[in-house]
Amino acid sequence: MKIKFLAFTISAVLAGFMISGCGDEETVAPSIYSAPDDSTSLNTTYKGQHTVLVFTIADTIELINANVGDKRLEITSTALGQSIWGTIDANDPFKVILDSVFQESLAIGQVEANNIRAGGTGTLSKDYKTVKTSIKIKQGTAKVAGSPISIAGQELKGSFNK
């Protein structure tokens, strides 16, 4: 009786292993880190423009993810003359939440901005061909035609293509 019970137990365990297998392979969702060639790096240049108020500013940006595992991304901007860092959104792997920007003085095209505090987002299209940016200005002034005006509440929108 003990031998039959042991044989039944071993058969049941083996059947369980065969039915369940080793499990499905883990699928990784595409993200801002997945370059189209499935490499682990996305260091790509995009050309386009920013718009704020009535101004359009041509720019070239580059997305750089030097440390893939840290969920951080650097966006360099030729027109802004600086890099903006961000963190990949946990709910949308193609969206970056940009770190707050504090800039004492910044010349962008025809506009001289002062005491800027801003934050925003950047979004990469799923075909990796377009980047949209939205930087919301929380405080700051700009000199337009020599006169300072408040730009708090304005948005610097960008659209860039590969």
N, C-alpha and C. Protein backbone atom coordinates (compact mmCIF):
# COMPACT_ATOMS: atom_id res chain seq x y z
N MET A 1 0.82 -1.19 0.00
CA MET A 1 0.00 0.00 0.00
C MET A 1 0.87 1.26 0.00
N LYS A 2 1.93 1.27 0.81
CA LYS A 2 2.82 2.42 0.87
C LYS A 2 3.51 2.63 -0.47
N ILE A 3 3.88 1.53 -1.15
CA ILE A 3 4.56 1.64 -2.44
C ILE A 3 3.61 2.22 -3.48
N LYS A 4 2.32 1.80 -3.47
CA LYS A 4 1.34 2.34 -4.42
C LYS A 4 1.12 3.83 -4.16
N PHE A 5 1.05 4.21 -2.87
CA PHE A 5 0.85 5.61 -2.53
C PHE A 5 2.05 6.45 -2.98
N LEU A 6 3.29 5.93 -2.75
CA LEU A 6 4.49 6.62 -3.16
C LEU A 6 4.55 6.75 -4.69
N ALA A 7 4.21 5.69 -5.40
CA ALA A 7 4.21 5.73 -6.86
C ALA A 7 3.17 6.74 -7.37
N PHE A 8 1.99 6.77 -6.72
CA PHE A 8 0.96 7.72 -7.10
C PHE A 8 1.43 9.16 -6.87
N THR A 9 2.08 9.41 -5.73
CA THR A 9 2.56 10.74 -5.39
C THR A 9 3.61 11.21 -6.40
N ILE A 10 4.57 10.33 -6.71
CA ILE A 10 5.61 10.68 -7.68
C ILE A 10 4.98 10.95 -9.05
N SER A 11 4.02 10.13 -9.46
CA SER A 11 3.35 10.33 -10.74
C SER A 11 2.60 11.66 -10.77
N ALA A 12 1.96 11.99 -9.68
CA ALA A 12 1.20 13.25 -9.61
C ALA A 12 2.14 14.45 -9.69
N VAL A 13 3.28 14.39 -9.01
CA VAL A 13 4.24 15.49 -9.04
C VAL A 13 4.82 15.64 -10.45
N LEU A 14 5.20 14.53 -11.08
CA LEU A 14 5.73 14.58 -12.45
C LEU A 14 4.69 15.12 -13.42
N ALA A 15 3.44 14.69 -13.28
CA ALA A 15 2.37 15.18 -14.15
C ALA A 15 2.19 16.68 -13.96
N GLY A 16 2.28 17.14 -12.73
CA GLY A 16 2.16 18.57 -12.44
C GLY A 16 3.26 19.37 -13.12
N PHE A 17 4.50 18.86 -13.07
CA PHE A 17 5.61 19.54 -13.75
C PHE A 17 5.41 19.58 -15.25
N MET A 18 4.95 18.48 -15.82
CA MET A 18 4.78 18.43 -17.28
C MET A 18 3.65 19.35 -17.73
N ILE A 19 2.59 19.43 -16.96
CA ILE A 19 1.46 20.28 -17.35
C ILE A 19 1.82 21.75 -17.21
N SER A 20 2.47 22.10 -16.09
CA SER A 20 2.77 23.51 -15.87
C SER A 20 4.00 23.97 -16.64
N GLY A 21 4.93 23.11 -16.92
CA GLY A 21 6.14 23.48 -17.66
C GLY A 21 6.98 24.44 -16.85
N CYS A 22 7.85 25.13 -17.52
CA CYS A 22 8.74 26.07 -16.84
C CYS A 22 8.18 27.48 -16.87
N GLY A 23 7.02 27.68 -17.45
CA GLY A 23 6.42 29.00 -17.49
C GLY A 23 6.74 29.69 -18.79
N ASP A 24 5.95 30.73 -19.10
CA ASP A 24 6.17 31.50 -20.31
C ASP A 24 7.37 32.41 -20.11
N GLU A 25 8.01 32.75 -21.22
CA GLU A 25 9.08 33.72 -21.15
C GLU A 25 8.48 35.07 -20.80
N GLU A 26 9.22 35.82 -20.02
CA GLU A 26 8.76 37.14 -19.64
C GLU A 26 8.82 38.06 -20.86
N THR A 27 7.74 38.76 -21.11
CA THR A 27 7.75 39.70 -22.22
C THR A 27 8.00 41.09 -21.67
N VAL A 28 8.85 41.82 -22.33
CA VAL A 28 9.21 43.17 -21.90
C VAL A 28 8.51 44.16 -22.83
N ALA A 29 7.74 45.03 -22.24
CA ALA A 29 7.04 46.04 -23.04
C ALA A 29 8.04 46.98 -23.67
N PRO A 30 7.77 47.40 -24.89
CA PRO A 30 8.67 48.39 -25.49
C PRO A 30 8.62 49.67 -24.67
N SER A 31 9.68 50.44 -24.73
CA SER A 31 9.71 51.67 -23.96
C SER A 31 10.65 52.67 -24.59
N ILE A 32 10.80 53.77 -23.93
CA ILE A 32 11.71 54.80 -24.39
C ILE A 32 13.14 54.29 -24.42
N TYR A 33 13.43 53.23 -23.64
CA TYR A 33 14.77 52.65 -23.61
C TYR A 33 15.00 51.65 -24.73
N SER A 34 13.95 51.18 -25.38
CA SER A 34 14.10 50.16 -26.41
C SER A 34 14.24 50.83 -27.76
N ALA A 35 15.45 50.90 -28.25
CA ALA A 35 15.66 51.46 -29.57
C ALA A 35 15.02 50.53 -30.60
N PRO A 36 14.67 51.03 -31.78
CA PRO A 36 14.01 50.20 -32.78
C PRO A 36 14.78 48.95 -33.16
N ASP A 37 16.10 48.94 -33.01
CA ASP A 37 16.87 47.76 -33.35
C ASP A 37 17.04 46.83 -32.15
N ASP A 38 16.24 47.04 -31.11
CA ASP A 38 16.26 46.25 -29.88
C ASP A 38 17.55 46.37 -29.09
N SER A 39 18.33 47.38 -29.34
CA SER A 39 19.51 47.60 -28.52
C SER A 39 19.03 48.19 -27.19
N THR A 40 19.91 48.32 -26.26
CA THR A 40 19.51 48.83 -24.96
C THR A 40 19.79 50.32 -24.82
N SER A 41 20.10 50.97 -25.91
CA SER A 41 20.44 52.38 -25.83
C SER A 41 19.66 53.18 -26.85
N LEU A 42 19.24 54.34 -26.47
CA LEU A 42 18.54 55.23 -27.38
C LEU A 42 19.20 56.59 -27.29
N ASN A 43 20.21 56.80 -28.09
CA ASN A 43 20.89 58.09 -28.16
C ASN A 43 20.61 58.63 -29.55
N THR A 44 19.57 59.44 -29.66
CA THR A 44 19.05 59.83 -30.95
C THR A 44 18.84 61.34 -31.01
N THR A 45 19.08 61.91 -32.19
CA THR A 45 18.92 63.35 -32.41
C THR A 45 17.61 63.62 -33.15
N TYR A 46 16.91 64.67 -32.72
CA TYR A 46 15.65 65.08 -33.32
C TYR A 46 15.73 66.58 -33.62
N LYS A 47 15.12 67.01 -34.73
CA LYS A 47 15.09 68.43 -35.09
C LYS A 47 13.65 68.91 -35.10
N GLY A 48 13.46 70.15 -34.66
CA GLY A 48 12.11 70.70 -34.65
C GLY A 48 12.11 72.10 -34.08
N GLN A 49 11.07 72.39 -33.30
CA GLN A 49 10.94 73.74 -32.77
C GLN A 49 10.13 73.76 -31.49
N HIS A 50 10.37 74.83 -30.73
CA HIS A 50 9.59 75.15 -29.54
C HIS A 50 8.69 76.32 -29.91
N THR A 51 7.56 76.43 -29.27
CA THR A 51 6.74 77.63 -29.39
C THR A 51 6.36 78.10 -27.99
N VAL A 52 6.42 79.40 -27.81
CA VAL A 52 5.99 80.03 -26.57
C VAL A 52 5.51 81.43 -26.94
N LEU A 53 4.39 81.82 -26.36
CA LEU A 53 3.75 83.08 -26.72
C LEU A 53 3.59 83.11 -28.24
N VAL A 54 4.16 84.10 -28.91
CA VAL A 54 4.05 84.16 -30.38
C VAL A 54 5.38 83.80 -31.05
N PHE A 55 6.31 83.26 -30.27
CA PHE A 55 7.64 82.97 -30.79
C PHE A 55 7.80 81.49 -31.14
N THR A 56 8.51 81.25 -32.23
CA THR A 56 8.89 79.90 -32.63
C THR A 56 10.40 79.85 -32.61
N ILE A 57 10.95 78.84 -31.94
CA ILE A 57 12.39 78.73 -31.77
C ILE A 57 12.86 77.39 -32.32
N ALA A 58 13.66 77.42 -33.37
CA ALA A 58 14.21 76.19 -33.95
C ALA A 58 15.17 75.55 -32.95
N ASP A 59 15.19 74.23 -32.91
CA ASP A 59 16.05 73.54 -31.95
C ASP A 59 16.39 72.14 -32.46
N THR A 60 17.48 71.63 -31.95
CA THR A 60 17.87 70.24 -32.13
C THR A 60 18.02 69.66 -30.74
N ILE A 61 17.34 68.55 -30.47
CA ILE A 61 17.45 67.90 -29.16
C ILE A 61 18.03 66.51 -29.36
N GLU A 62 18.63 66.00 -28.29
CA GLU A 62 19.15 64.64 -28.31
C GLU A 62 18.66 63.93 -27.05
N LEU A 63 18.16 62.73 -27.22
CA LEU A 63 17.77 61.89 -26.09
C LEU A 63 18.95 60.99 -25.77
N ILE A 64 19.35 60.99 -24.52
CA ILE A 64 20.50 60.20 -24.10
C ILE A 64 20.10 59.41 -22.85
N ASN A 65 20.27 58.10 -22.91
CA ASN A 65 20.04 57.28 -21.72
C ASN A 65 21.30 56.50 -21.42
N ALA A 66 22.19 57.15 -20.70
CA ALA A 66 23.50 56.56 -20.43
C ALA A 66 23.43 55.34 -19.52
N ASN A 67 22.54 55.35 -18.57
CA ASN A 67 22.42 54.24 -17.62
C ASN A 67 21.02 53.65 -17.72
N VAL A 68 20.87 52.66 -18.57
CA VAL A 68 19.55 52.13 -18.89
C VAL A 68 18.76 51.72 -17.65
N GLY A 69 19.39 51.11 -16.69
CA GLY A 69 18.67 50.58 -15.54
C GLY A 69 18.14 51.61 -14.57
N ASP A 70 18.55 52.86 -14.67
CA ASP A 70 18.16 53.83 -13.66
C ASP A 70 16.88 54.60 -13.97
N LYS A 71 16.25 54.34 -15.12
CA LYS A 71 14.99 54.99 -15.50
C LYS A 71 15.12 56.50 -15.67
N ARG A 72 16.34 56.98 -15.90
CA ARG A 72 16.60 58.41 -16.10
C ARG A 72 16.97 58.65 -17.55
N LEU A 73 16.63 59.82 -18.04
CA LEU A 73 16.90 60.18 -19.42
C LEU A 73 17.34 61.63 -19.46
N GLU A 74 18.34 61.90 -20.27
CA GLU A 74 18.82 63.27 -20.45
C GLU A 74 18.34 63.77 -21.82
N ILE A 75 17.80 64.97 -21.85
CA ILE A 75 17.41 65.60 -23.11
C ILE A 75 18.26 66.85 -23.24
N THR A 76 19.16 66.86 -24.23
CA THR A 76 19.98 68.05 -24.46
C THR A 76 19.31 68.91 -25.52
N SER A 77 19.41 70.20 -25.35
CA SER A 77 18.79 71.15 -26.27
C SER A 77 19.83 72.16 -26.73
N THR A 78 19.96 72.29 -28.04
CA THR A 78 20.88 73.28 -28.60
C THR A 78 20.39 74.70 -28.31
N ALA A 79 19.12 74.97 -28.54
CA ALA A 79 18.56 76.32 -28.35
C ALA A 79 18.57 76.75 -26.88
N LEU A 80 18.28 75.83 -25.98
CA LEU A 80 18.27 76.17 -24.56
C LEU A 80 19.68 76.18 -23.99
N GLY A 81 20.61 75.54 -24.70
CA GLY A 81 22.00 75.53 -24.26
C GLY A 81 22.24 74.73 -23.00
N GLN A 82 21.40 73.75 -22.75
CA GLN A 82 21.56 72.94 -21.54
C GLN A 82 20.86 71.60 -21.69
N SER A 83 21.08 70.76 -20.69
CA SER A 83 20.41 69.48 -20.63
C SER A 83 19.31 69.53 -19.58
N ILE A 84 18.25 68.81 -19.86
CA ILE A 84 17.17 68.65 -18.89
C ILE A 84 17.06 67.16 -18.63
N TRP A 85 17.01 66.79 -17.37
CA TRP A 85 16.91 65.38 -16.99
C TRP A 85 15.47 65.05 -16.63
N GLY A 86 15.14 63.80 -16.78
CA GLY A 86 13.81 63.35 -16.41
C GLY A 86 13.81 61.89 -16.03
N THR A 87 12.68 61.45 -15.52
CA THR A 87 12.48 60.07 -15.09
C THR A 87 11.35 59.46 -15.90
N ILE A 88 11.55 58.24 -16.36
CA ILE A 88 10.52 57.54 -17.14
C ILE A 88 9.28 57.34 -16.26
N ASP A 89 8.13 57.71 -16.79
CA ASP A 89 6.86 57.56 -16.09
C ASP A 89 6.58 56.08 -15.85
N ALA A 90 6.25 55.72 -14.63
CA ALA A 90 5.98 54.32 -14.29
C ALA A 90 4.76 53.77 -15.02
N ASN A 91 3.82 54.64 -15.42
CA ASN A 91 2.60 54.18 -16.08
C ASN A 91 2.66 54.26 -17.60
N ASP A 92 3.65 54.98 -18.14
CA ASP A 92 3.77 55.14 -19.59
C ASP A 92 5.24 55.12 -19.96
N PRO A 93 5.74 53.99 -20.48
CA PRO A 93 7.17 53.87 -20.74
C PRO A 93 7.69 54.76 -21.87
N PHE A 94 6.82 55.50 -22.55
CA PHE A 94 7.25 56.42 -23.60
C PHE A 94 7.18 57.88 -23.13
N LYS A 95 6.93 58.08 -21.85
CA LYS A 95 6.79 59.43 -21.30
C LYS A 95 7.86 59.67 -20.24
N VAL A 96 8.44 60.87 -20.27
CA VAL A 96 9.45 61.26 -19.29
C VAL A 96 8.92 62.44 -18.50
N ILE A 97 8.96 62.33 -17.19
CA ILE A 97 8.60 63.45 -16.31
C ILE A 97 9.89 64.24 -16.09
N LEU A 98 9.92 65.46 -16.59
CA LEU A 98 11.14 66.26 -16.52
C LEU A 98 11.36 66.81 -15.12
N ASP A 99 12.62 66.85 -14.73
CA ASP A 99 12.97 67.47 -13.45
C ASP A 99 12.65 68.96 -13.53
N SER A 100 12.45 69.57 -12.39
CA SER A 100 12.21 71.02 -12.36
C SER A 100 13.43 71.75 -12.89
N VAL A 101 13.16 72.82 -13.60
CA VAL A 101 14.23 73.65 -14.17
C VAL A 101 14.23 74.97 -13.43
N PHE A 102 15.40 75.38 -12.95
CA PHE A 102 15.58 76.69 -12.33
C PHE A 102 16.68 77.38 -13.12
N GLN A 103 16.36 78.51 -13.72
CA GLN A 103 17.33 79.20 -14.55
C GLN A 103 17.26 80.69 -14.23
N GLU A 104 18.40 81.25 -13.83
CA GLU A 104 18.43 82.67 -13.49
C GLU A 104 18.27 83.54 -14.74
N SER A 105 18.98 83.19 -15.79
CA SER A 105 18.91 83.96 -17.03
C SER A 105 19.08 83.01 -18.20
N LEU A 106 18.26 83.19 -19.23
CA LEU A 106 18.29 82.29 -20.37
C LEU A 106 17.86 83.05 -21.62
N ALA A 107 18.71 83.04 -22.63
CA ALA A 107 18.37 83.68 -23.90
C ALA A 107 17.92 82.59 -24.87
N ILE A 108 16.69 82.70 -25.34
CA ILE A 108 16.15 81.74 -26.29
C ILE A 108 15.70 82.52 -27.52
N GLY A 109 16.46 82.42 -28.58
CA GLY A 109 16.11 83.18 -29.78
C GLY A 109 16.06 84.66 -29.48
N GLN A 110 14.91 85.28 -29.72
CA GLN A 110 14.74 86.72 -29.51
C GLN A 110 14.29 87.07 -28.10
N VAL A 111 14.12 86.08 -27.26
CA VAL A 111 13.56 86.29 -25.93
C VAL A 111 14.64 86.08 -24.87
N GLU A 112 14.72 87.03 -23.95
CA GLU A 112 15.60 86.87 -22.79
C GLU A 112 14.71 86.60 -21.58
N ALA A 113 14.85 85.41 -21.02
CA ALA A 113 14.02 85.01 -19.87
C ALA A 113 14.85 85.08 -18.60
N ASN A 114 14.18 85.45 -17.51
CA ASN A 114 14.87 85.59 -16.22
C ASN A 114 14.07 84.93 -15.11
N ASN A 115 14.81 84.40 -14.14
CA ASN A 115 14.23 83.79 -12.94
C ASN A 115 13.16 82.75 -13.29
N ILE A 116 13.54 81.84 -14.14
CA ILE A 116 12.61 80.81 -14.63
C ILE A 116 12.55 79.63 -13.67
N ARG A 117 11.35 79.21 -13.39
CA ARG A 117 11.10 77.96 -12.68
C ARG A 117 10.05 77.23 -13.49
N ALA A 118 10.37 76.00 -13.93
CA ALA A 118 9.47 75.28 -14.82
C ALA A 118 9.60 73.77 -14.63
N GLY A 119 8.64 73.04 -15.15
CA GLY A 119 8.66 71.58 -15.14
C GLY A 119 7.79 71.10 -16.28
N GLY A 120 7.88 69.83 -16.61
CA GLY A 120 7.06 69.36 -17.72
C GLY A 120 7.28 67.91 -18.06
N THR A 121 6.96 67.59 -19.31
CA THR A 121 7.04 66.21 -19.78
C THR A 121 7.62 66.17 -21.19
N GLY A 122 8.10 65.02 -21.54
CA GLY A 122 8.52 64.72 -22.91
C GLY A 122 7.93 63.37 -23.28
N THR A 123 7.46 63.23 -24.50
CA THR A 123 6.84 61.99 -24.94
C THR A 123 7.43 61.55 -26.27
N LEU A 124 7.83 60.31 -26.34
CA LEU A 124 8.39 59.72 -27.56
C LEU A 124 7.31 58.89 -28.22
N SER A 125 7.12 59.07 -29.53
CA SER A 125 6.12 58.26 -30.24
C SER A 125 6.59 56.80 -30.27
N LYS A 126 5.66 55.90 -30.37
CA LYS A 126 5.99 54.47 -30.32
C LYS A 126 6.78 54.01 -31.54
N ASP A 127 6.79 54.80 -32.61
CA ASP A 127 7.62 54.46 -33.76
C ASP A 127 8.98 55.15 -33.69
N TYR A 128 9.26 55.83 -32.58
CA TYR A 128 10.53 56.48 -32.29
C TYR A 128 10.88 57.62 -33.24
N LYS A 129 9.90 58.15 -33.95
CA LYS A 129 10.19 59.18 -34.94
C LYS A 129 9.87 60.60 -34.48
N THR A 130 9.08 60.75 -33.42
CA THR A 130 8.64 62.07 -32.97
C THR A 130 8.78 62.21 -31.46
N VAL A 131 9.23 63.37 -31.05
CA VAL A 131 9.28 63.72 -29.63
C VAL A 131 8.44 64.99 -29.45
N LYS A 132 7.56 64.98 -28.47
CA LYS A 132 6.78 66.17 -28.09
C LYS A 132 7.20 66.56 -26.68
N THR A 133 7.39 67.85 -26.48
CA THR A 133 7.74 68.33 -25.14
C THR A 133 6.73 69.37 -24.70
N SER A 134 6.53 69.43 -23.40
CA SER A 134 5.65 70.42 -22.80
C SER A 134 6.32 70.89 -21.51
N ILE A 135 6.82 72.11 -21.53
CA ILE A 135 7.46 72.67 -20.35
C ILE A 135 6.60 73.83 -19.87
N LYS A 136 6.03 73.66 -18.69
CA LYS A 136 5.13 74.67 -18.12
C LYS A 136 5.92 75.59 -17.20
N ILE A 137 5.84 76.86 -17.50
CA ILE A 137 6.59 77.86 -16.75
C ILE A 137 5.77 78.27 -15.53
N LYS A 138 6.34 78.03 -14.35
CA LYS A 138 5.63 78.33 -13.11
C LYS A 138 5.90 79.76 -12.66
N GLN A 139 7.11 80.25 -12.95
CA GLN A 139 7.43 81.64 -12.61
C GLN A 139 8.52 82.12 -13.54
N GLY A 140 8.59 83.43 -13.73
CA GLY A 140 9.64 84.01 -14.55
C GLY A 140 9.15 85.19 -15.35
N THR A 141 10.11 85.94 -15.87
CA THR A 141 9.80 87.08 -16.72
C THR A 141 10.60 86.95 -18.02
N ALA A 142 10.14 87.65 -19.03
CA ALA A 142 10.85 87.68 -20.31
C ALA A 142 10.87 89.11 -20.81
N LYS A 143 11.96 89.46 -21.45
CA LYS A 143 12.05 90.77 -22.08
C LYS A 143 11.69 90.58 -23.54
N VAL A 144 10.61 91.21 -23.92
CA VAL A 144 10.17 91.17 -25.31
C VAL A 144 10.16 92.62 -25.78
N ALA A 145 10.94 92.90 -26.80
CA ALA A 145 11.10 94.28 -27.33
C ALA A 145 11.50 95.23 -26.21
N GLY A 146 12.36 94.74 -25.29
CA GLY A 146 12.88 95.59 -24.22
C GLY A 146 12.00 95.71 -23.00
N SER A 147 10.76 95.24 -23.07
CA SER A 147 9.84 95.36 -21.94
C SER A 147 9.69 94.02 -21.22
N PRO A 148 9.87 94.01 -19.89
CA PRO A 148 9.68 92.76 -19.16
C PRO A 148 8.19 92.42 -18.99
N ILE A 149 7.87 91.16 -19.23
CA ILE A 149 6.49 90.68 -19.00
C ILE A 149 6.57 89.37 -18.23
N SER A 150 5.55 89.10 -17.45
CA SER A 150 5.49 87.83 -16.73
C SER A 150 5.18 86.71 -17.72
N ILE A 151 5.89 85.62 -17.58
CA ILE A 151 5.58 84.45 -18.42
C ILE A 151 5.11 83.27 -17.57
N ALA A 152 4.80 83.54 -16.30
CA ALA A 152 4.24 82.49 -15.45
C ALA A 152 2.93 82.01 -16.06
N GLY A 153 2.76 80.71 -16.10
CA GLY A 153 1.55 80.13 -16.68
C GLY A 153 1.67 79.83 -18.17
N GLN A 154 2.75 80.28 -18.81
CA GLN A 154 2.95 79.99 -20.23
C GLN A 154 3.53 78.59 -20.39
N GLU A 155 3.45 78.09 -21.61
CA GLU A 155 3.95 76.74 -21.89
C GLU A 155 4.90 76.80 -23.08
N LEU A 156 6.03 76.18 -22.93
CA LEU A 156 6.99 76.03 -24.02
C LEU A 156 6.73 74.65 -24.62
N LYS A 157 6.06 74.64 -25.78
CA LYS A 157 5.71 73.37 -26.43
C LYS A 157 6.74 73.08 -27.51
N GLY A 158 7.12 71.82 -27.62
CA GLY A 158 8.07 71.44 -28.66
C GLY A 158 7.59 70.26 -29.46
N SER A 159 7.97 70.24 -30.71
CA SER A 159 7.66 69.13 -31.61
C SER A 159 8.92 68.86 -32.44
N PHE A 160 9.41 67.62 -32.38
CA PHE A 160 10.69 67.29 -33.00
C PHE A 160 10.57 65.96 -33.74
N ASN A 161 11.25 65.89 -34.89
CA ASN A 161 11.22 64.68 -35.71
C ASN A 161 12.64 64.18 -35.95
N LYS A 162 12.73 62.89 -36.14
CA LYS A 162 14.01 62.25 -36.40
C LYS A 162 14.50 62.63 -37.78
